[in-house]
Amino acid sequence: MIQIDVDVPDRPGELAKLAAILGATGINIDAISAESAGGRSYMSLIVNQPMQAREALMKNGYASAMRTVLVVRLDDKPGALASLARKLGDSGVDVVSLIHLGTVGGHAQIALGVDNLEKARSLV
């Protein structure tokens, strides 16, 4: 799965603008995470057409980067994320992003951006 990280100005209407660009291009946002700090906003997106999304965003002046993320299924219970994070951290894998994709049937799915994808894959 591909995650797109977008640098967005921290001002009213930017989410609407970004979503409209993707919508007009026929791209669906499957998951999104956003935060704002120091006058900038950062959005991480999981979309149905990542290459086309990045192209559309870049054409409209948004700086972005793409990363392959690891999709992990966890039991939806207290401590499940802590256990996974500890396992990764103890093995030297740095988690640089996390997006909750949804919870169904007692299991949560998360998309993890990590600094060592192959090592993380071997641990989960």
C-alpha atoms as a PDB file:
ATOM      1  CA  MET A   1       0.000   0.000   0.000  1.00  0.00           C
ATOM      2  CA  ILE A   2       1.234   3.498  -0.826  1.00  0.00           C
ATOM      3  CA  GLN A   3       0.930   6.512   1.481  1.00  0.00           C
ATOM      4  CA  ILE A   4       1.201  10.064   0.180  1.00  0.00           C
ATOM      5  CA  ASP A   5       2.535  12.684   2.583  1.00  0.00           C
ATOM      6  CA  VAL A   6       1.537  16.229   1.634  1.00  0.00           C
ATOM      7  CA  ASP A   7       2.858  19.540   2.947  1.00  0.00           C
ATOM      8  CA  VAL A   8      -0.123  21.920   3.168  1.00  0.00           C
ATOM      9  CA  PRO A   9      -0.321  25.589   4.230  1.00  0.00           C
ATOM     10  CA  ASP A  10      -1.982  26.001   7.624  1.00  0.00           C
ATOM     11  CA  ARG A  11      -4.967  28.130   6.663  1.00  0.00           C
ATOM     12  CA  PRO A  12      -8.715  27.737   6.351  1.00  0.00           C
ATOM     13  CA  GLY A  13      -9.940  25.928   3.254  1.00  0.00           C
ATOM     14  CA  GLU A  14      -6.827  23.897   2.463  1.00  0.00           C
ATOM     15  CA  LEU A  15      -8.444  20.549   3.282  1.00  0.00           C
ATOM     16  CA  ALA A  16     -11.364  21.450   1.018  1.00  0.00           C
ATOM     17  CA  LYS A  17      -8.984  22.486  -1.770  1.00  0.00           C
ATOM     18  CA  LEU A  18      -6.934  19.296  -1.543  1.00  0.00           C
ATOM     19  CA  ALA A  19     -10.030  17.082  -1.367  1.00  0.00           C
ATOM     20  CA  ALA A  20     -11.572  18.905  -4.355  1.00  0.00           C
ATOM     21  CA  ILE A  21      -8.440  18.360  -6.447  1.00  0.00           C
ATOM     22  CA  LEU A  22      -8.546  14.651  -5.755  1.00  0.00           C
ATOM     23  CA  GLY A  23     -12.310  14.427  -6.203  1.00  0.00           C
ATOM     24  CA  ALA A  24     -12.205  16.217  -9.556  1.00  0.00           C
ATOM     25  CA  THR A  25      -9.590  13.723 -10.700  1.00  0.00           C
ATOM     26  CA  GLY A  26     -11.778  10.771  -9.663  1.00  0.00           C
ATOM     27  CA  ILE A  27      -9.503   9.765  -6.798  1.00  0.00           C
ATOM     28  CA  ASN A  28     -11.057   8.408  -3.614  1.00  0.00           C
ATOM     29  CA  ILE A  29      -9.476   9.046  -0.210  1.00  0.00           C
ATOM     30  CA  ASP A  30      -9.537   5.725   1.642  1.00  0.00           C
ATOM     31  CA  ALA A  31      -7.808   7.000   4.805  1.00  0.00           C
ATOM     32  CA  ILE A  32      -6.399  10.323   5.955  1.00  0.00           C
ATOM     33  CA  SER A  33      -4.377  11.666   8.846  1.00  0.00           C
ATOM     34  CA  ALA A  34      -3.507  15.316   9.398  1.00  0.00           C
ATOM     35  CA  GLU A  35      -1.811  17.562  11.897  1.00  0.00           C
ATOM     36  CA  SER A  36      -0.692  21.144  12.130  1.00  0.00           C
ATOM     37  CA  ALA A  37       2.382  22.632  13.779  1.00  0.00           C
ATOM     38  CA  GLY A  38       4.459  25.765  13.356  1.00  0.00           C
ATOM     39  CA  GLY A  39       2.301  27.295  10.652  1.00  0.00           C
ATOM     40  CA  ARG A  40       2.309  24.226   8.410  1.00  0.00           C
ATOM     41  CA  SER A  41      -0.046  21.312   8.072  1.00  0.00           C
ATOM     42  CA  TYR A  42       0.861  17.803   7.068  1.00  0.00           C
ATOM     43  CA  MET A  43      -1.561  15.301   5.614  1.00  0.00           C
ATOM     44  CA  SER A  44      -0.975  11.637   5.004  1.00  0.00           C
ATOM     45  CA  LEU A  45      -3.320   9.969   2.550  1.00  0.00           C
ATOM     46  CA  ILE A  46      -4.136   6.469   1.426  1.00  0.00           C
ATOM     47  CA  VAL A  47      -5.940   6.733  -1.918  1.00  0.00           C
ATOM     48  CA  ASN A  48      -7.174   4.361  -4.601  1.00  0.00           C
ATOM     49  CA  GLN A  49      -4.825   5.812  -7.263  1.00  0.00           C
ATOM     50  CA  PRO A  50      -1.617   7.028  -5.585  1.00  0.00           C
ATOM     51  CA  MET A  51       0.402   7.894  -8.709  1.00  0.00           C
ATOM     52  CA  GLN A  52      -2.415   9.929 -10.232  1.00  0.00           C
ATOM     53  CA  ALA A  53      -3.104  11.597  -6.874  1.00  0.00           C
ATOM     54  CA  ARG A  54       0.494  12.688  -6.438  1.00  0.00           C
ATOM     55  CA  GLU A  55       0.591  14.021  -9.989  1.00  0.00           C
ATOM     56  CA  ALA A  56      -2.637  16.006  -9.462  1.00  0.00           C
ATOM     57  CA  LEU A  57      -1.384  17.430  -6.167  1.00  0.00           C
ATOM     58  CA  MET A  58       1.982  18.410  -7.640  1.00  0.00           C
ATOM     59  CA  LYS A  59       0.260  20.115 -10.609  1.00  0.00           C
ATOM     60  CA  ASN A  60      -1.623  22.212  -8.075  1.00  0.00           C
ATOM     61  CA  GLY A  61       1.484  23.260  -6.158  1.00  0.00           C
ATOM     62  CA  TYR A  62       1.513  20.758  -3.296  1.00  0.00           C
ATOM     63  CA  ALA A  63       4.842  19.253  -2.284  1.00  0.00           C
ATOM     64  CA  SER A  64       4.445  15.567  -1.562  1.00  0.00           C
ATOM     65  CA  ALA A  65       6.309  12.340  -1.033  1.00  0.00           C
ATOM     66  CA  MET A  66       5.283   8.716  -1.324  1.00  0.00           C
ATOM     67  CA  ARG A  67       6.171   5.754   0.828  1.00  0.00           C
ATOM     68  CA  THR A  68       5.240   2.101   0.875  1.00  0.00           C
ATOM     69  CA  VAL A  69       3.485   1.275   4.122  1.00  0.00           C
ATOM     70  CA  LEU A  70       2.983  -2.016   5.880  1.00  0.00           C
ATOM     71  CA  VAL A  71      -0.632  -2.967   6.556  1.00  0.00           C
ATOM     72  CA  VAL A  72      -0.964  -4.802   9.857  1.00  0.00           C
ATOM     73  CA  ARG A  73      -4.019  -6.457  11.380  1.00  0.00           C
ATOM     74  CA  LEU A  74      -4.231  -6.305  15.167  1.00  0.00           C
ATOM     75  CA  ASP A  75      -6.681  -7.700  17.668  1.00  0.00           C
ATOM     76  CA  ASP A  76      -8.937  -4.841  18.752  1.00  0.00           C
ATOM     77  CA  LYS A  77      -8.026  -5.025  22.423  1.00  0.00           C
ATOM     78  CA  PRO A  78      -6.058  -2.958  24.920  1.00  0.00           C
ATOM     79  CA  GLY A  79      -2.295  -3.353  24.563  1.00  0.00           C
ATOM     80  CA  ALA A  80      -2.261  -4.806  21.033  1.00  0.00           C
ATOM     81  CA  LEU A  81      -0.656  -1.723  19.513  1.00  0.00           C
ATOM     82  CA  ALA A  82       1.782  -1.433  22.424  1.00  0.00           C
ATOM     83  CA  SER A  83       2.900  -5.011  21.862  1.00  0.00           C
ATOM     84  CA  LEU A  84       3.523  -4.455  18.151  1.00  0.00           C
ATOM     85  CA  ALA A  85       5.268  -1.130  18.729  1.00  0.00           C
ATOM     86  CA  ARG A  86       7.510  -2.661  21.394  1.00  0.00           C
ATOM     87  CA  LYS A  87       8.445  -5.536  19.092  1.00  0.00           C
ATOM     88  CA  LEU A  88       9.355  -3.135  16.293  1.00  0.00           C
ATOM     89  CA  GLY A  89      11.183  -0.709  18.573  1.00  0.00           C
ATOM     90  CA  ASP A  90      13.155  -3.435  20.327  1.00  0.00           C
ATOM     91  CA  SER A  91      14.329  -4.603  16.895  1.00  0.00           C
ATOM     92  CA  GLY A  92      15.440  -1.103  15.896  1.00  0.00           C
ATOM     93  CA  VAL A  93      12.565  -0.362  13.512  1.00  0.00           C
ATOM     94  CA  ASP A  94      11.412   3.253  13.691  1.00  0.00           C
ATOM     95  CA  VAL A  95       7.690   3.864  13.111  1.00  0.00           C
ATOM     96  CA  VAL A  96       7.457   7.182  11.249  1.00  0.00           C
ATOM     97  CA  SER A  97       3.731   7.197  10.504  1.00  0.00           C
ATOM     98  CA  LEU A  98       0.560   5.348  11.423  1.00  0.00           C
ATOM     99  CA  ILE A  99      -2.912   5.562   9.925  1.00  0.00           C
ATOM    100  CA  HIS A 100      -5.868   3.604  11.308  1.00  0.00           C
ATOM    101  CA  LEU A 101      -7.625   2.082   8.302  1.00  0.00           C
ATOM    102  CA  GLY A 102     -10.610   0.679  10.160  1.00  0.00           C
ATOM    103  CA  THR A 103     -11.839  -1.920  12.590  1.00  0.00           C
ATOM    104  CA  VAL A 104     -13.978  -4.876  11.537  1.00  0.00           C
ATOM    105  CA  GLY A 105     -14.828  -8.115  13.277  1.00  0.00           C
ATOM    106  CA  GLY A 106     -12.674  -7.483  16.307  1.00  0.00           C
ATOM    107  CA  HIS A 107      -9.586  -6.601  14.301  1.00  0.00           C
ATOM    108  CA  ALA A 108      -8.045  -3.208  13.598  1.00  0.00           C
ATOM    109  CA  GLN A 109      -6.071  -2.562  10.442  1.00  0.00           C
ATOM    110  CA  ILE A 110      -3.300   0.003  10.495  1.00  0.00           C
ATOM    111  CA  ALA A 111      -0.903   1.298   7.861  1.00  0.00           C
ATOM    112  CA  LEU A 112       2.596   1.692   9.275  1.00  0.00           C
ATOM    113  CA  GLY A 113       5.299   3.790   7.704  1.00  0.00           C
ATOM    114  CA  VAL A 114       8.630   2.459   8.923  1.00  0.00           C
ATOM    115  CA  ASP A 115      12.297   3.147   8.270  1.00  0.00           C
ATOM    116  CA  ASN A 116      13.018  -0.524   7.451  1.00  0.00           C
ATOM    117  CA  LEU A 117      10.111  -2.138   5.630  1.00  0.00           C
ATOM    118  CA  GLU A 118      11.710  -5.559   5.127  1.00  0.00           C
ATOM    119  CA  LYS A 119      12.717  -5.898   8.767  1.00  0.00           C
ATOM    120  CA  ALA A 120       9.249  -4.785   9.911  1.00  0.00           C
ATOM    121  CA  ARG A 121       7.616  -7.315   7.572  1.00  0.00           C
ATOM    122  CA  SER A 122       9.685 -10.100   9.076  1.00  0.00           C
ATOM    123  CA  LEU A 123       8.509  -9.151  12.584  1.00  0.00           C
ATOM    124  CA  VAL A 124       4.749  -9.047  12.009  1.00  0.00           C
END
